[in-house]
Amino acid sequence: MRHDDQDFEQLDSFQDFLQELGDVKPIKSDDKVHLQQTQQAIEKQMRREALLAQKPKESPLTFEGVKPVKPDDFLEFKQAGIQDGVYKNLRQGKYPIEQKISLAGLSLRDSSITLYQKINAAHERGVRTILIQHGKGEQSQPFPALKKSYVNHWLPQFNNVIAFHTAQPMHGGLGATYVLLKKHPNQKMINREKQAKR
């Protein structure tokens, strides 16, 4: 078979192939635009979901049944089994404050979310002593010491909060509260990691 004959056969078979394809049409430019818009919509949805994942999750801390305290009241709480000496040291501000949580300027809802997230994150890092700055709330509405009352109401709802007490004047006095967290189950490992970073 000559070279030219081979070329003709290939051309014939290619034309047969095109006929078999029949109704196949090239992608029109408006189809390309539609495809691009679909891709953009998917990317937008993925970005939205990523943002939602970053948003603070609702706090499970309850708002019902709060007992109002006065701006000048002392807050105090300790779980059963906490040694008197440990509680006394907390009360007197003798433990180093490892983290401060300020609730200044936050709504009650945001205060509950902030408290919930930060206390749990602190516990995961092996933090033992926190200072919560809530203010006295002398002018707060609908009743004085609103935020202070809710802090007093919320803290016992944490499994990892074993004691709390109104702070010493040098740490904010009646407008702040010391919180003692229980040891994390992996505390020894956390301490070793802290030592290694120093």
Protein backbone atom coordinates (compact mmCIF):
# COMPACT_ATOMS: atom_id res chain seq x y z
CA MET A 1 0.00 0.00 0.00
CA ARG A 2 1.33 3.40 -1.02
CA HIS A 3 1.77 6.17 1.53
CA ASP A 4 -0.98 8.30 -0.16
CA ASP A 5 -3.51 5.43 0.07
CA GLN A 6 -2.79 5.06 3.79
CA ASP A 7 -3.44 8.78 4.32
CA PHE A 8 -6.80 8.53 2.47
CA GLU A 9 -7.85 5.54 4.60
CA GLN A 10 -7.03 7.43 7.79
CA LEU A 11 -8.97 10.45 6.52
CA ASP A 12 -11.98 8.25 5.68
CA SER A 13 -11.97 6.61 9.09
CA PHE A 14 -11.70 10.02 10.76
CA GLN A 15 -14.72 11.26 8.76
CA ASP A 16 -16.63 8.09 9.74
CA PHE A 17 -15.73 8.84 13.34
CA LEU A 18 -17.08 12.40 13.03
CA GLN A 19 -20.32 11.12 11.53
CA GLU A 20 -20.73 8.65 14.39
CA LEU A 21 -20.38 11.53 16.86
CA GLY A 22 -23.41 13.10 15.23
CA ASP A 23 -24.89 15.82 17.47
CA VAL A 24 -21.78 16.74 19.44
CA LYS A 25 -21.44 20.53 19.41
CA PRO A 26 -18.55 22.64 20.60
CA ILE A 27 -19.04 24.44 23.95
CA LYS A 28 -20.57 27.84 23.33
CA SER A 29 -19.05 30.84 25.07
CA ASP A 30 -22.21 31.39 27.16
CA ASP A 31 -21.91 27.77 28.44
CA LYS A 32 -18.36 28.59 29.52
CA VAL A 33 -19.66 31.62 31.42
CA HIS A 34 -22.33 29.45 33.09
CA LEU A 35 -19.67 26.91 34.11
CA GLN A 36 -17.52 29.71 35.54
CA GLN A 37 -20.50 31.11 37.50
CA THR A 38 -21.23 27.66 38.95
CA GLN A 39 -17.59 27.33 40.03
CA GLN A 40 -17.70 30.79 41.64
CA ALA A 41 -20.93 29.89 43.49
CA ILE A 42 -19.31 26.71 44.84
CA GLU A 43 -16.23 28.65 45.98
CA LYS A 44 -18.44 31.29 47.64
CA GLN A 45 -20.40 28.59 49.48
CA MET A 46 -17.16 26.95 50.66
CA ARG A 47 -15.87 30.32 51.94
CA ARG A 48 -19.18 30.92 53.75
CA GLU A 49 -18.99 27.50 55.42
CA ALA A 50 -15.37 28.14 56.45
CA LEU A 51 -16.41 31.45 58.04
CA LEU A 52 -19.31 29.81 59.87
CA ALA A 53 -16.92 27.21 61.24
CA GLN A 54 -14.78 30.05 62.67
CA LYS A 55 -17.71 31.86 64.28
CA PRO A 56 -17.97 31.30 68.02
CA LYS A 57 -20.30 28.44 68.85
CA GLU A 58 -23.23 29.17 71.11
CA SER A 59 -22.47 28.77 74.79
CA PRO A 60 -24.38 26.09 76.73
CA LEU A 61 -24.27 28.29 79.86
CA THR A 62 -27.80 29.00 81.05
CA PHE A 63 -29.46 32.38 81.54
CA GLU A 64 -32.41 31.15 83.61
CA GLY A 65 -32.57 31.25 87.39
CA VAL A 66 -29.84 33.84 87.97
CA LYS A 67 -29.79 35.20 91.55
CA PRO A 68 -28.79 38.89 91.49
CA VAL A 69 -25.83 39.83 93.68
CA LYS A 70 -25.02 43.38 94.81
CA PRO A 71 -22.08 45.35 93.31
CA ASP A 72 -20.27 45.13 96.69
CA ASP A 73 -20.96 41.42 97.31
CA PHE A 74 -18.12 38.91 97.48
CA LEU A 75 -18.37 35.94 95.12
CA GLU A 76 -17.24 32.64 96.62
CA PHE A 77 -17.53 29.00 95.64
CA LYS A 78 -15.59 25.79 96.08
CA GLN A 79 -16.35 22.22 95.14
CA ALA A 80 -16.48 19.59 97.87
CA GLY A 81 -13.05 18.17 98.57
CA ILE A 82 -11.07 21.36 97.87
CA GLN A 83 -8.55 21.80 100.71
CA ASP A 84 -9.03 24.86 102.91
CA GLY A 85 -5.38 25.87 102.40
CA VAL A 86 -5.78 25.82 98.60
CA TYR A 87 -8.97 27.91 98.80
CA LYS A 88 -7.33 30.35 101.24
CA ASN A 89 -4.40 30.87 98.83
CA LEU A 90 -6.85 31.52 95.98
CA ARG A 91 -8.86 34.00 98.11
CA GLN A 92 -5.69 35.87 99.07
CA GLY A 93 -4.46 36.09 95.48
CA LYS A 94 -1.35 34.04 96.20
CA TYR A 95 -1.50 31.94 93.02
CA PRO A 96 0.11 33.43 89.90
CA ILE A 97 -2.56 34.59 87.43
CA GLU A 98 -1.91 32.67 84.22
CA GLN A 99 -4.69 34.25 82.16
CA LYS A 100 -7.03 37.24 82.30
CA ILE A 101 -10.48 37.28 80.71
CA SER A 102 -12.06 40.71 80.30
CA LEU A 103 -15.82 40.96 79.75
CA ALA A 104 -15.76 44.77 79.48
CA GLY A 105 -18.03 46.11 76.75
CA LEU A 106 -19.49 42.68 75.89
CA SER A 107 -23.20 41.86 75.83
CA LEU A 108 -24.40 39.11 78.18
CA ARG A 109 -24.61 36.67 75.26
CA ASP A 110 -21.07 37.48 74.10
CA SER A 111 -19.85 37.32 77.71
CA SER A 112 -21.21 33.78 78.04
CA ILE A 113 -19.58 32.70 74.74
CA THR A 114 -16.24 34.33 75.65
CA LEU A 115 -16.25 32.78 79.11
CA TYR A 116 -17.19 29.34 77.80
CA GLN A 117 -14.57 29.30 75.05
CA LYS A 118 -11.70 30.85 77.00
CA ILE A 119 -12.10 28.83 80.20
CA ASN A 120 -12.25 25.55 78.27
CA ALA A 121 -9.29 26.54 76.06
CA ALA A 122 -7.30 27.55 79.16
CA HIS A 123 -8.02 24.19 80.79
CA GLU A 124 -6.84 22.39 77.64
CA ARG A 125 -3.54 24.32 77.87
CA GLY A 126 -3.09 23.32 81.51
CA VAL A 127 -3.85 26.79 82.96
CA ARG A 128 -4.85 26.61 86.64
CA THR A 129 -5.59 30.22 87.71
CA ILE A 130 -7.64 32.79 85.77
CA LEU A 131 -8.73 36.33 86.61
CA ILE A 132 -12.14 37.30 85.21
CA GLN A 133 -12.66 41.06 84.91
CA HIS A 134 -16.44 41.64 84.95
CA GLY A 135 -16.74 45.01 86.73
CA LYS A 136 -19.02 45.90 89.64
CA GLY A 137 -21.86 47.05 87.36
CA GLU A 138 -23.24 49.71 89.71
CA GLN A 139 -25.20 51.36 86.88
CA SER A 140 -26.04 48.20 84.88
CA GLN A 141 -29.60 47.48 83.72
CA PRO A 142 -32.06 45.84 84.31
CA PHE A 143 -30.40 45.47 87.74
CA PRO A 144 -27.06 46.47 89.33
CA ALA A 145 -24.15 44.01 89.10
CA LEU A 146 -25.81 42.31 86.09
CA LYS A 147 -22.65 40.80 84.58
CA LYS A 148 -21.18 40.01 88.00
CA SER A 149 -24.40 38.14 88.87
CA TYR A 150 -24.21 36.09 85.67
CA VAL A 151 -20.50 35.28 86.20
CA ASN A 152 -21.50 34.00 89.66
CA HIS A 153 -24.32 32.00 88.01
CA TRP A 154 -22.19 30.59 85.15
CA LEU A 155 -18.93 29.56 86.83
CA PRO A 156 -20.40 26.64 88.84
CA GLN A 157 -21.77 25.26 85.53
CA PHE A 158 -18.21 24.42 84.40
CA ASN A 159 -16.97 20.94 85.29
CA ASN A 160 -13.39 22.21 85.24
CA VAL A 161 -13.97 25.17 87.63
CA ILE A 162 -13.26 23.87 91.13
CA ALA A 163 -13.27 27.18 93.04
CA PHE A 164 -13.65 30.95 92.60
CA HIS A 165 -13.51 34.02 94.81
CA THR A 166 -13.68 37.81 94.51
CA ALA A 167 -10.23 39.22 93.74
CA GLN A 168 -7.93 41.22 96.01
CA PRO A 169 -7.92 45.05 95.49
CA MET A 170 -4.59 44.83 93.58
CA HIS A 171 -6.27 42.58 90.98
CA GLY A 172 -9.54 44.50 90.58
CA GLY A 173 -11.28 43.83 93.90
CA LEU A 174 -15.07 43.57 93.70
CA GLY A 175 -14.97 43.99 89.91
CA ALA A 176 -12.95 40.82 89.32
CA THR A 177 -12.93 37.15 90.31
CA TYR A 178 -10.16 34.56 90.73
CA VAL A 179 -10.98 31.18 89.19
CA LEU A 180 -9.18 27.94 89.99
CA LEU A 181 -9.36 25.21 87.32
CA LYS A 182 -8.91 21.50 87.99
CA LYS A 183 -5.74 19.84 86.75
CA HIS A 184 -5.98 18.66 83.16
CA PRO A 185 -5.71 14.83 82.92
CA ASN A 186 -2.56 15.33 80.79
CA GLN A 187 -1.11 18.00 83.13
CA LYS A 188 2.26 16.28 83.49
CA MET A 189 2.66 16.13 79.71
CA ILE A 190 1.52 19.79 79.34
CA ASN A 191 4.06 20.85 82.00
CA ARG A 192 6.85 18.97 80.20
CA GLU A 193 5.93 20.76 76.94
CA LYS A 194 5.95 24.13 78.75
CA GLN A 195 9.40 23.37 80.20
CA ALA A 196 10.71 22.33 76.76
CA LYS A 197 9.61 25.66 75.23
CA ARG A 198 11.55 27.68 77.82
